[in-house]
Amino acid sequence: MMKTYLFYGTWKELTKAIKPLLYRWIVKEVIKENYISSYKLDNKKLQKKQIKKVIFIAKEDLDKYLDSSKFKEWM
């Protein structure tokens, strides 16, 4: 089963989140794609956010293992 998520956070935070999944064999493989930039206008100031696109290849449903504040399912 392949599922794609957007990760809102730093590379270090992503590494912390996926390490336990790999060590427990919940996830077979993790593929990180390049950054996606998000732009938002807030109080007349442009805010840029870096988002990472992460593809998980797993045997079971990942929703119960992932932090919903950091991971948002891609389509």
Protein backbone atom coordinates (compact mmCIF):
# COMPACT_ATOMS: atom_id res chain seq x y z
CA MET A 1 0.00 0.00 0.00
CA MET A 2 1.39 3.40 -1.00
CA LYS A 3 0.16 6.57 0.67
CA THR A 4 1.36 10.11 0.06
CA TYR A 5 1.42 12.81 2.75
CA LEU A 6 2.55 16.40 3.02
CA PHE A 7 4.82 17.03 6.02
CA TYR A 8 4.80 20.43 7.69
CA GLY A 9 8.07 20.72 9.58
CA THR A 10 11.85 20.53 9.34
CA TRP A 11 13.91 17.65 7.95
CA LYS A 12 15.06 16.83 11.51
CA GLU A 13 11.44 16.53 12.70
CA LEU A 14 10.61 14.30 9.74
CA THR A 15 13.53 12.01 10.56
CA LYS A 16 12.32 11.74 14.17
CA ALA A 17 8.81 10.86 12.97
CA ILE A 18 9.77 8.15 10.47
CA LYS A 19 12.56 6.38 12.38
CA PRO A 20 10.22 4.50 14.77
CA LEU A 21 7.99 3.47 11.86
CA LEU A 22 10.94 1.94 10.02
CA TYR A 23 12.41 0.22 13.09
CA ARG A 24 9.03 -1.37 13.98
CA TRP A 25 8.56 -2.57 10.37
CA ILE A 26 5.30 -0.64 10.04
CA VAL A 27 6.71 1.04 6.94
CA LYS A 28 8.85 -0.76 4.36
CA GLU A 29 10.20 2.35 2.64
CA VAL A 30 9.92 6.14 2.82
CA ILE A 31 10.45 8.34 -0.22
CA LYS A 32 10.86 12.10 0.32
CA GLU A 33 10.37 14.34 -2.66
CA ASN A 34 11.70 17.86 -3.02
CA TYR A 35 10.27 20.77 -1.15
CA ILE A 36 6.98 22.35 -2.05
CA SER A 37 6.68 26.04 -1.22
CA SER A 38 3.46 27.42 0.18
CA TYR A 39 2.77 31.14 0.11
CA LYS A 40 0.19 32.89 2.28
CA LEU A 41 -0.66 36.55 2.82
CA ASP A 42 -1.04 37.33 6.53
CA ASN A 43 -1.51 40.92 7.73
CA LYS A 44 -0.10 42.29 4.46
CA LYS A 45 3.05 40.17 4.87
CA LEU A 46 3.92 37.31 2.59
CA GLN A 47 4.66 34.10 4.51
CA LYS A 48 6.55 31.27 2.82
CA LYS A 49 6.43 27.74 4.20
CA GLN A 50 8.48 24.74 3.08
CA ILE A 51 6.51 21.50 2.87
CA LYS A 52 7.91 18.05 2.13
CA LYS A 53 6.04 15.46 0.07
CA VAL A 54 6.54 12.03 1.67
CA ILE A 55 5.49 8.69 0.16
CA PHE A 56 5.14 5.73 2.53
CA ILE A 57 5.16 2.13 1.35
CA ALA A 58 3.51 0.21 4.18
CA LYS A 59 1.66 -2.99 5.02
CA GLU A 60 -0.97 -1.40 7.24
CA ASP A 61 -2.90 1.84 7.73
CA LEU A 62 -0.60 4.67 8.83
CA ASP A 63 -3.19 7.15 10.10
CA LYS A 64 -3.00 5.87 13.69
CA TYR A 65 0.82 6.22 13.75
CA LEU A 66 1.26 9.66 12.19
CA ASP A 67 0.92 12.99 13.98
CA SER A 68 -2.06 14.68 12.31
CA SER A 69 -0.70 18.16 13.09
CA LYS A 70 2.43 17.49 10.98
CA PHE A 71 1.18 15.06 8.31
CA LYS A 72 -1.71 15.84 5.94
CA GLU A 73 -2.81 13.23 3.42
CA TRP A 74 -2.13 14.14 -0.21
CA MET A 75 -5.31 13.72 -2.27
